[in-house]
PDB file of N, CA and C in Angstrom:
ATOM      1  N   LEU A   1       0.803  -1.371   0.068  1.00  0.00           N
ATOM      2  CA  LEU A   1      -0.080  -0.036  -0.062  1.00  0.00           C
ATOM      3  C   LEU A   1       0.961   1.528   0.022  1.00  0.00           C
ATOM      4  N   GLU A   2       2.005   1.182   0.876  1.00  0.00           N
ATOM      5  CA  GLU A   2       2.795   2.504   0.629  1.00  0.00           C
ATOM      6  C   GLU A   2       3.402   2.915  -0.618  1.00  0.00           C
ATOM      7  N   GLU A   3       3.794   1.440  -1.355  1.00  0.00           N
ATOM      8  CA  GLU A   3       4.349   1.551  -2.329  1.00  0.00           C
ATOM      9  C   GLU A   3       3.398   2.327  -3.500  1.00  0.00           C
ATOM     10  N   LYS A   4       2.121   1.875  -3.482  1.00  0.00           N
ATOM     11  CA  LYS A   4       1.080   2.669  -4.181  1.00  0.00           C
ATOM     12  C   LYS A   4       0.822   3.832  -3.906  1.00  0.00           C
ATOM     13  N   LEU A   5       1.117   4.222  -2.676  1.00  0.00           N
ATOM     14  CA  LEU A   5       1.029   5.518  -2.203  1.00  0.00           C
ATOM     15  C   LEU A   5       1.896   6.858  -2.802  1.00  0.00           C
ATOM     16  N   GLN A   6       2.858   6.098  -2.897  1.00  0.00           N
ATOM     17  CA  GLN A   6       4.225   6.620  -3.238  1.00  0.00           C
ATOM     18  C   GLN A   6       3.980   6.965  -4.828  1.00  0.00           C
ATOM     19  N   ASN A   7       3.456   5.944  -5.594  1.00  0.00           N
ATOM     20  CA  ASN A   7       3.343   6.268  -7.134  1.00  0.00           C
ATOM     21  C   ASN A   7       2.330   7.138  -7.314  1.00  0.00           C
ATOM     22  N   LEU A   8       1.763   7.282  -6.636  1.00  0.00           N
ATOM     23  CA  LEU A   8       0.348   8.230  -6.776  1.00  0.00           C
ATOM     24  C   LEU A   8       0.714   9.752  -6.626  1.00  0.00           C
ATOM     25  N   GLY A   9       2.061   9.763  -6.048  1.00  0.00           N
ATOM     26  CA  GLY A   9       2.561  11.036  -5.439  1.00  0.00           C
ATOM     27  C   GLY A   9       1.612  11.776  -4.338  1.00  0.00           C
ATOM     28  N   CYS A  10       1.553  11.005  -3.470  1.00  0.00           N
ATOM     29  CA  CYS A  10       0.651  11.374  -2.065  1.00  0.00           C
ATOM     30  C   CYS A  10       1.936  12.343  -1.397  1.00  0.00           C
ATOM     31  N   GLN A  11       0.924  13.230  -0.711  1.00  0.00           N
ATOM     32  CA  GLN A  11       1.448  14.001   0.287  1.00  0.00           C
ATOM     33  C   GLN A  11       2.422  12.992   1.536  1.00  0.00           C
ATOM     34  N   SER A  12       3.332  13.777   2.113  1.00  0.00           N
ATOM     35  CA  SER A  12       4.154  12.890   3.245  1.00  0.00           C
ATOM     36  C   SER A  12       2.972  12.355   4.125  1.00  0.00           C
ATOM     37  N   TYR A  13       3.225  11.113   4.777  1.00  0.00           N
ATOM     38  CA  TYR A  13       2.195  10.555   5.718  1.00  0.00           C
ATOM     39  C   TYR A  13       2.823   9.915   7.039  1.00  0.00           C
ATOM     40  N   LYS A  14       2.506   9.499   7.939  1.00  0.00           N
ATOM     41  CA  LYS A  14       3.045   8.855   9.011  1.00  0.00           C
ATOM     42  C   LYS A  14       2.092   7.715   9.300  1.00  0.00           C
ATOM     43  N   ILE A  15       2.585   6.360   9.328  1.00  0.00           N
ATOM     44  CA  ILE A  15       1.741   5.153   9.905  1.00  0.00           C
ATOM     45  C   ILE A  15       1.970   5.315  11.328  1.00  0.00           C
ATOM     46  N   THR A  16       0.607   5.476  12.256  1.00  0.00           N
ATOM     47  CA  THR A  16       0.659   5.600  13.579  1.00  0.00           C
ATOM     48  C   THR A  16       0.173   4.191  14.111  1.00  0.00           C
ATOM     49  N   THR A  17      -0.579   3.460  13.659  1.00  0.00           N
ATOM     50  CA  THR A  17      -1.100   2.262  13.992  1.00  0.00           C
ATOM     51  C   THR A  17      -1.591   1.066  12.927  1.00  0.00           C
ATOM     52  N   GLN A  18      -1.407  -0.243  13.169  1.00  0.00           N
ATOM     53  CA  GLN A  18      -1.699  -0.956  11.909  1.00  0.00           C
ATOM     54  C   GLN A  18      -2.688  -2.229  12.880  1.00  0.00           C
ATOM     55  N   LYS A  19      -3.683  -2.609  12.000  1.00  0.00           N
ATOM     56  CA  LYS A  19      -4.339  -3.970  12.588  1.00  0.00           C
ATOM     57  C   LYS A  19      -4.560  -4.931  11.273  1.00  0.00           C
ATOM     58  N   CYS A  20      -4.700  -6.181  11.958  1.00  0.00           N
ATOM     59  CA  CYS A  20      -4.759  -7.104  10.939  1.00  0.00           C
ATOM     60  C   CYS A  20      -5.857  -7.978  11.488  1.00  0.00           C
ATOM     61  N   GLY A  21      -6.482  -8.670  10.285  1.00  0.00           N
ATOM     62  CA  GLY A  21      -7.319  -9.520  10.999  1.00  0.00           C
ATOM     63  C   GLY A  21      -7.383 -11.000   9.983  1.00  0.00           C
ATOM     64  N   ILE A  22      -7.999 -11.756  10.291  1.00  0.00           N
ATOM     65  CA  ILE A  22      -8.203 -13.274   9.824  1.00  0.00           C
ATOM     66  C   ILE A  22      -9.621 -13.463   9.009  1.00  0.00           C
ATOM     67  N   ARG A  23      -9.288 -13.671   7.764  1.00  0.00           N
ATOM     68  CA  ARG A  23     -10.528 -14.132   7.008  1.00  0.00           C
ATOM     69  C   ARG A  23     -10.823 -15.520   7.144  1.00  0.00           C
ATOM     70  N   PRO A  24     -11.524 -16.094   8.001  1.00  0.00           N
ATOM     71  CA  PRO A  24     -12.008 -17.646   7.941  1.00  0.00           C
ATOM     72  C   PRO A  24     -12.185 -18.125   6.365  1.00  0.00           C
ATOM     73  N   THR A  25     -11.645 -19.022   5.791  1.00  0.00           N
ATOM     74  CA  THR A  25     -12.210 -19.583   4.627  1.00  0.00           C
ATOM     75  C   THR A  25     -12.079 -20.995   4.552  1.00  0.00           C
ATOM     76  N   THR A  26     -12.652 -21.797   3.546  1.00  0.00           N
ATOM     77  CA  THR A  26     -12.556 -22.980   3.414  1.00  0.00           C
ATOM     78  C   THR A  26     -11.965 -23.248   1.908  1.00  0.00           C
ATOM     79  N   HIS A  27     -11.301 -24.803   2.195  1.00  0.00           N
ATOM     80  CA  HIS A  27     -10.967 -25.563   0.704  1.00  0.00           C
ATOM     81  C   HIS A  27     -11.338 -24.958  -0.283  1.00  0.00           C
ATOM     82  N   ASP A  28     -12.786 -25.000  -0.491  1.00  0.00           N
ATOM     83  CA  ASP A  28     -13.973 -24.581  -1.836  1.00  0.00           C
ATOM     84  C   ASP A  28     -14.150 -23.077  -1.688  1.00  0.00           C
ATOM     85  N   ARG A  29     -13.779 -22.453  -0.669  1.00  0.00           N
ATOM     86  CA  ARG A  29     -14.115 -21.076  -0.695  1.00  0.00           C
ATOM     87  C   ARG A  29     -15.735 -20.654  -0.502  1.00  0.00           C
ATOM     88  N   ARG A  30     -16.269 -21.721   0.002  1.00  0.00           N
ATOM     89  CA  ARG A  30     -17.669 -21.334   0.325  1.00  0.00           C
ATOM     90  C   ARG A  30     -17.962 -21.602   2.019  1.00  0.00           C
ATOM     91  N   PRO A  31     -18.973 -21.098   2.315  1.00  0.00           N
ATOM     92  CA  PRO A  31     -18.974 -20.942   3.755  1.00  0.00           C
ATOM     93  C   PRO A  31     -19.540 -21.768   4.190  1.00  0.00           C
ATOM     94  N   LEU A  32     -19.468 -22.371   5.352  1.00  0.00           N
ATOM     95  CA  LEU A  32     -19.832 -23.550   6.324  1.00  0.00           C
ATOM     96  C   LEU A  32     -21.016 -23.138   7.154  1.00  0.00           C
ATOM     97  N   VAL A  33     -22.040 -23.627   6.928  1.00  0.00           N
ATOM     98  CA  VAL A  33     -23.497 -23.032   7.671  1.00  0.00           C
ATOM     99  C   VAL A  33     -24.274 -24.342   7.913  1.00  0.00           C
ATOM    100  N   GLY A  34     -24.587 -24.613   9.459  1.00  0.00           N
ATOM    101  CA  GLY A  34     -25.561 -25.584   9.732  1.00  0.00           C
ATOM    102  C   GLY A  34     -25.035 -26.433  11.266  1.00  0.00           C
ATOM    103  N   ASN A  35     -25.802 -27.184  11.449  1.00  0.00           N
ATOM    104  CA  ASN A  35     -25.960 -28.044  12.588  1.00  0.00           C
ATOM    105  C   ASN A  35     -24.528 -29.211  12.582  1.00  0.00           C
ATOM    106  N   HIS A  36     -23.631 -28.867  13.529  1.00  0.00           N
ATOM    107  CA  HIS A  36     -22.789 -29.964  13.716  1.00  0.00           C
ATOM    108  C   HIS A  36     -23.136 -31.575  13.548  1.00  0.00           C
ATOM    109  N   PRO A  37     -22.720 -32.453  12.551  1.00  0.00           N
ATOM    110  CA  PRO A  37     -23.257 -33.650  12.557  1.00  0.00           C
ATOM    111  C   PRO A  37     -23.102 -34.762  13.753  1.00  0.00           C
ATOM    112  N   ILE A  38     -21.821 -34.541  14.213  1.00  0.00           N
ATOM    113  CA  ILE A  38     -21.897 -35.181  15.446  1.00  0.00           C
ATOM    114  C   ILE A  38     -22.340 -34.519  16.791  1.00  0.00           C
ATOM    115  N   HIS A  39     -22.181 -33.400  17.057  1.00  0.00           N
ATOM    116  CA  HIS A  39     -22.534 -32.600  18.210  1.00  0.00           C
ATOM    117  C   HIS A  39     -23.683 -31.902  17.943  1.00  0.00           C
ATOM    118  N   LYS A  40     -24.896 -32.515  18.156  1.00  0.00           N
ATOM    119  CA  LYS A  40     -26.128 -31.781  17.753  1.00  0.00           C
ATOM    120  C   LYS A  40     -26.624 -30.701  18.376  1.00  0.00           C
ATOM    121  N   ASN A  41     -26.230 -30.129  19.378  1.00  0.00           N
ATOM    122  CA  ASN A  41     -26.427 -28.920  19.873  1.00  0.00           C
ATOM    123  C   ASN A  41     -25.355 -27.684  19.801  1.00  0.00           C
ATOM    124  N   LEU A  42     -24.723 -27.869  18.692  1.00  0.00           N
ATOM    125  CA  LEU A  42     -23.396 -27.367  17.929  1.00  0.00           C
ATOM    126  C   LEU A  42     -23.900 -26.708  16.584  1.00  0.00           C
ATOM    127  N   TYR A  43     -23.867 -25.293  16.365  1.00  0.00           N
ATOM    128  CA  TYR A  43     -24.419 -25.042  15.021  1.00  0.00           C
ATOM    129  C   TYR A  43     -22.858 -24.234  14.718  1.00  0.00           C
ATOM    130  N   ILE A  44     -22.347 -24.391  13.329  1.00  0.00           N
ATOM    131  CA  ILE A  44     -21.488 -23.785  12.816  1.00  0.00           C
ATOM    132  C   ILE A  44     -21.858 -22.324  11.861  1.00  0.00           C
ATOM    133  N   PHE A  45     -21.148 -21.557  11.959  1.00  0.00           N
ATOM    134  CA  PHE A  45     -21.297 -20.253  11.194  1.00  0.00           C
ATOM    135  C   PHE A  45     -19.956 -19.744  10.884  1.00  0.00           C
ATOM    136  N   ASN A  46     -19.449 -20.299   9.682  1.00  0.00           N
ATOM    137  CA  ASN A  46     -18.183 -20.020   9.665  1.00  0.00           C
ATOM    138  C   ASN A  46     -17.538 -20.003   7.924  1.00  0.00           C
ATOM    139  N   GLY A  47     -16.577 -19.568   7.953  1.00  0.00           N
ATOM    140  CA  GLY A  47     -16.010 -19.436   6.399  1.00  0.00           C
ATOM    141  C   GLY A  47     -16.356 -18.360   5.449  1.00  0.00           C
ATOM    142  N   MET A  48     -16.764 -17.261   6.099  1.00  0.00           N
ATOM    143  CA  MET A  48     -17.035 -15.946   5.408  1.00  0.00           C
ATOM    144  C   MET A  48     -15.835 -15.437   4.977  1.00  0.00           C
ATOM    145  N   GLY A  49     -15.093 -15.877   3.996  1.00  0.00           N
ATOM    146  CA  GLY A  49     -13.781 -14.877   3.765  1.00  0.00           C
ATOM    147  C   GLY A  49     -14.179 -14.022   2.627  1.00  0.00           C
ATOM    148  N   SER A  50     -13.338 -13.560   1.991  1.00  0.00           N
ATOM    149  CA  SER A  50     -13.312 -12.190   1.299  1.00  0.00           C
ATOM    150  C   SER A  50     -14.490 -12.134   0.182  1.00  0.00           C
ATOM    151  N   LYS A  51     -14.669 -13.483  -0.416  1.00  0.00           N
ATOM    152  CA  LYS A  51     -15.457 -13.698  -1.515  1.00  0.00           C
ATOM    153  C   LYS A  51     -16.921 -13.916  -0.791  1.00  0.00           C
ATOM    154  N   THR A  52     -17.222 -14.277   0.267  1.00  0.00           N
ATOM    155  CA  THR A  52     -18.481 -14.700   0.956  1.00  0.00           C
ATOM    156  C   THR A  52     -19.123 -13.735   2.000  1.00  0.00           C
ATOM    157  N   VAL A  53     -18.148 -12.587   2.371  1.00  0.00           N
ATOM    158  CA  VAL A  53     -18.398 -12.159   3.601  1.00  0.00           C
ATOM    159  C   VAL A  53     -19.830 -11.266   3.444  1.00  0.00           C
ATOM    160  N   MET A  54     -20.072 -10.783   2.321  1.00  0.00           N
ATOM    161  CA  MET A  54     -21.078  -9.817   1.780  1.00  0.00           C
ATOM    162  C   MET A  54     -22.417 -10.710   1.909  1.00  0.00           C
ATOM    163  N   MET A  55     -22.255 -11.931   2.013  1.00  0.00           N
ATOM    164  CA  MET A  55     -23.399 -12.996   2.070  1.00  0.00           C
ATOM    165  C   MET A  55     -23.908 -13.375   3.432  1.00  0.00           C
ATOM    166  N   ALA A  56     -23.178 -12.659   4.436  1.00  0.00           N
ATOM    167  CA  ALA A  56     -23.368 -13.225   5.881  1.00  0.00           C
ATOM    168  C   ALA A  56     -24.383 -12.825   6.309  1.00  0.00           C
ATOM    169  N   PRO A  57     -25.412 -11.834   6.052  1.00  0.00           N
ATOM    170  CA  PRO A  57     -26.477 -11.562   6.740  1.00  0.00           C
ATOM    171  C   PRO A  57     -27.386 -12.468   6.356  1.00  0.00           C
ATOM    172  N   LEU A  58     -27.537 -12.784   4.858  1.00  0.00           N
ATOM    173  CA  LEU A  58     -28.713 -13.888   4.310  1.00  0.00           C
ATOM    174  C   LEU A  58     -28.122 -15.431   5.121  1.00  0.00           C
ATOM    175  N   MET A  59     -26.913 -15.801   5.038  1.00  0.00           N
ATOM    176  CA  MET A  59     -26.508 -17.077   5.763  1.00  0.00           C
ATOM    177  C   MET A  59     -26.937 -17.189   6.908  1.00  0.00           C
ATOM    178  N   ALA A  60     -26.622 -15.889   7.596  1.00  0.00           N
ATOM    179  CA  ALA A  60     -27.336 -16.035   9.433  1.00  0.00           C
ATOM    180  C   ALA A  60     -28.950 -16.367   9.404  1.00  0.00           C
ATOM    181  N   LYS A  61     -29.422 -15.612   8.139  1.00  0.00           N
ATOM    182  CA  LYS A  61     -30.973 -15.615   8.146  1.00  0.00           C
ATOM    183  C   LYS A  61     -31.638 -17.120   8.023  1.00  0.00           C
ATOM    184  N   GLN A  62     -30.528 -17.776   7.044  1.00  0.00           N
ATOM    185  CA  GLN A  62     -30.726 -19.164   6.798  1.00  0.00           C
ATOM    186  C   GLN A  62     -30.490 -19.918   7.823  1.00  0.00           C
ATOM    187  N   LEU A  63     -29.470 -19.766   8.588  1.00  0.00           N
ATOM    188  CA  LEU A  63     -29.188 -20.685   9.921  1.00  0.00           C
ATOM    189  C   LEU A  63     -30.386 -20.372  10.891  1.00  0.00           C
ATOM    190  N   ILE A  64     -30.527 -19.334  11.128  1.00  0.00           N
ATOM    191  CA  ILE A  64     -31.751 -19.077  12.297  1.00  0.00           C
ATOM    192  C   ILE A  64     -33.036 -19.630  11.838  1.00  0.00           C
ATOM    193  N   ASP A  65     -33.399 -19.653  10.612  1.00  0.00           N
ATOM    194  CA  ASP A  65     -34.480 -20.510   9.783  1.00  0.00           C
ATOM    195  C   ASP A  65     -34.404 -21.774  10.084  1.00  0.00           C
ATOM    196  N   ASN A  66     -33.341 -22.346   9.738  1.00  0.00           N
ATOM    197  CA  ASN A  66     -33.043 -24.071  10.008  1.00  0.00           C
ATOM    198  C   ASN A  66     -33.421 -24.190  11.245  1.00  0.00           C
ATOM    199  N   ILE A  67     -32.657 -23.362  12.196  1.00  0.00           N
ATOM    200  CA  ILE A  67     -32.816 -23.684  13.672  1.00  0.00           C
ATOM    201  C   ILE A  67     -34.230 -23.983  14.246  1.00  0.00           C
ATOM    202  N   GLU A  68     -34.908 -22.831  13.815  1.00  0.00           N
ATOM    203  CA  GLU A  68     -36.354 -22.539  14.124  1.00  0.00           C
ATOM    204  C   GLU A  68     -37.489 -23.344  13.361  1.00  0.00           C
ATOM    205  N   HIS A  69     -36.808 -23.809  12.264  1.00  0.00           N
ATOM    206  CA  HIS A  69     -38.202 -24.077  11.415  1.00  0.00           C
ATOM    207  C   HIS A  69     -37.747 -24.973  10.469  1.00  0.00           C
ATOM    208  N   GLN A  70     -36.303 -25.920  10.749  1.00  0.00           N
ATOM    209  CA  GLN A  70     -35.753 -26.808   9.956  1.00  0.00           C
ATOM    210  C   GLN A  70     -35.782 -26.408   8.717  1.00  0.00           C
ATOM    211  N   SER A  71     -35.728 -25.317   7.884  1.00  0.00           N
ATOM    212  CA  SER A  71     -35.621 -25.006   6.600  1.00  0.00           C
ATOM    213  C   SER A  71     -34.293 -25.108   6.032  1.00  0.00           C
ATOM    214  N   GLU A  72     -34.454 -25.617   4.626  1.00  0.00           N
ATOM    215  CA  GLU A  72     -32.846 -25.809   3.893  1.00  0.00           C
ATOM    216  C   GLU A  72     -31.953 -24.730   4.184  1.00  0.00           C
ATOM    217  N   ILE A  73     -30.744 -25.081   4.074  1.00  0.00           N
ATOM    218  CA  ILE A  73     -29.472 -23.920   3.998  1.00  0.00           C
ATOM    219  C   ILE A  73     -29.019 -24.124   2.400  1.00  0.00           C
ATOM    220  N   PHE A  74     -28.760 -23.410   1.996  1.00  0.00           N
ATOM    221  CA  PHE A  74     -28.493 -23.339   0.528  1.00  0.00           C
ATOM    222  C   PHE A  74     -27.368 -24.501   0.725  1.00  0.00           C
ATOM    223  N   LEU A  75     -27.293 -25.429  -0.477  1.00  0.00           N
ATOM    224  CA  LEU A  75     -26.394 -26.711  -0.718  1.00  0.00           C
ATOM    225  C   LEU A  75     -25.069 -26.145  -0.817  1.00  0.00           C
ATOM    226  N   GLU A  76     -24.733 -25.103  -1.599  1.00  0.00           N
ATOM    227  CA  GLU A  76     -23.218 -24.732  -1.580  1.00  0.00           C
ATOM    228  C   GLU A  76     -22.887 -24.158  -0.116  1.00  0.00           C
ATOM    229  N   ALA A  77     -23.549 -24.046   0.662  1.00  0.00           N
ATOM    230  CA  ALA A  77     -23.199 -23.574   1.934  1.00  0.00           C
ATOM    231  C   ALA A  77     -23.275 -24.391   3.428  1.00  0.00           C
ATOM    232  N   ASP A  78     -24.194 -25.354   2.980  1.00  0.00           N
ATOM    233  CA  ASP A  78     -24.713 -26.241   3.958  1.00  0.00           C
ATOM    234  C   ASP A  78     -23.416 -27.505   4.353  1.00  0.00           C
ATOM    235  N   ILE A  79     -22.952 -27.613   5.712  1.00  0.00           N
ATOM    236  CA  ILE A  79     -21.930 -28.022   6.351  1.00  0.00           C
ATOM    237  C   ILE A  79     -22.189 -29.600   5.845  1.00  0.00           C
ATOM    238  N   LYS A  80     -23.232 -30.021   5.659  1.00  0.00           N
ATOM    239  CA  LYS A  80     -23.438 -31.399   5.049  1.00  0.00           C
ATOM    240  C   LYS A  80     -22.636 -31.679   4.102  1.00  0.00           C
ATOM    241  N   ARG A  81     -22.033 -30.944   3.203  1.00  0.00           N
ATOM    242  CA  ARG A  81     -21.461 -31.336   1.893  1.00  0.00           C
ATOM    243  C   ARG A  81     -20.132 -31.897   2.194  1.00  0.00           C
ATOM    244  N   LEU A  82     -19.840 -31.509   3.469  1.00  0.00           N
ATOM    245  CA  LEU A  82     -18.216 -31.944   4.071  1.00  0.00           C
ATOM    246  C   LEU A  82     -18.288 -33.306   5.000  1.00  0.00           C
ATOM    247  N   GLU A  83     -19.445 -33.669   5.311  1.00  0.00           N
ATOM    248  CA  GLU A  83     -19.880 -34.525   6.594  1.00  0.00           C
ATOM    249  C   GLU A  83     -18.992 -35.758   6.161  1.00  0.00           C
ATOM    250  N   LYS A  84     -19.245 -36.435   5.090  1.00  0.00           N
ATOM    251  CA  LYS A  84     -18.513 -37.570   4.819  1.00  0.00           C
ATOM    252  C   LYS A  84     -17.080 -37.649   4.600  1.00  0.00           C
ATOM    253  N   LYS A  85     -16.804 -36.429   3.840  1.00  0.00           N
ATOM    254  CA  LYS A  85     -15.255 -36.402   4.025  1.00  0.00           C
ATOM    255  C   LYS A  85     -14.404 -36.084   4.965  1.00  0.00           C
ATOM    256  N   ASN A  86     -15.144 -35.284   6.080  1.00  0.00           N
ATOM    257  CA  ASN A  86     -14.133 -34.797   7.015  1.00  0.00           C
ATOM    258  C   ASN A  86     -14.867 -35.196   8.344  1.00  0.00           C
ATOM    259  N   PHE A  87     -16.296 -35.260   8.674  1.00  0.00           N
ATOM    260  CA  PHE A  87     -16.623 -35.471  10.069  1.00  0.00           C
ATOM    261  C   PHE A  87     -16.315 -36.979  10.652  1.00  0.00           C
ATOM    262  N   HIS A  88     -16.435 -37.849   9.641  1.00  0.00           N
ATOM    263  CA  HIS A  88     -16.054 -39.399  10.028  1.00  0.00           C
ATOM    264  C   HIS A  88     -14.734 -39.444  11.085  1.00  0.00           C
ATOM    265  N   LYS A  89     -13.810 -38.260  10.931  1.00  0.00           N
ATOM    266  CA  LYS A  89     -12.640 -38.565  11.417  1.00  0.00           C
ATOM    267  C   LYS A  89     -12.885 -38.227  13.123  1.00  0.00           C
ATOM    268  N   PHE A  90     -14.062 -37.554  13.383  1.00  0.00           N
ATOM    269  CA  PHE A  90     -14.437 -37.185  14.960  1.00  0.00           C
ATOM    270  C   PHE A  90     -15.241 -38.183  15.540  1.00  0.00           C
ATOM    271  N   VAL A  91     -14.901 -37.990  16.866  1.00  0.00           N
ATOM    272  CA  VAL A  91     -15.635 -38.874  17.600  1.00  0.00           C
ATOM    273  C   VAL A  91     -16.394 -38.270  18.575  1.00  0.00           C
ATOM    274  N   PRO A  92     -17.453 -38.392  18.945  1.00  0.00           N
ATOM    275  CA  PRO A  92     -18.426 -37.803  19.872  1.00  0.00           C
ATOM    276  C   PRO A  92     -17.798 -37.558  21.279  1.00  0.00           C
ATOM    277  N   LEU A  93     -17.802 -36.639  21.900  1.00  0.00           N
ATOM    278  CA  LEU A  93     -17.160 -36.471  23.174  1.00  0.00           C
ATOM    279  C   LEU A  93     -18.135 -36.984  24.472  1.00  0.00           C
TER     280      LEU A  93
END
């Protein structure tokens, strides 16, 4: 960013603080939303990386509707898509 500012010919500046954050993402860059397949009282709402962060309000609504009314979650975001591949490794506590 500093290099780009210099290329734009900006006035002098001083960096006073810096912050960073982590964008959780998944291998397929899709969110993970839904009921944990083993721990039934655990719900997952994650994977809203840079590409899907704008979908967070919609995904939150879907999760709430799923919890309250057992409505479906978008197939592309539903945690069930990873159940066979990943969750068979975990054992219930």
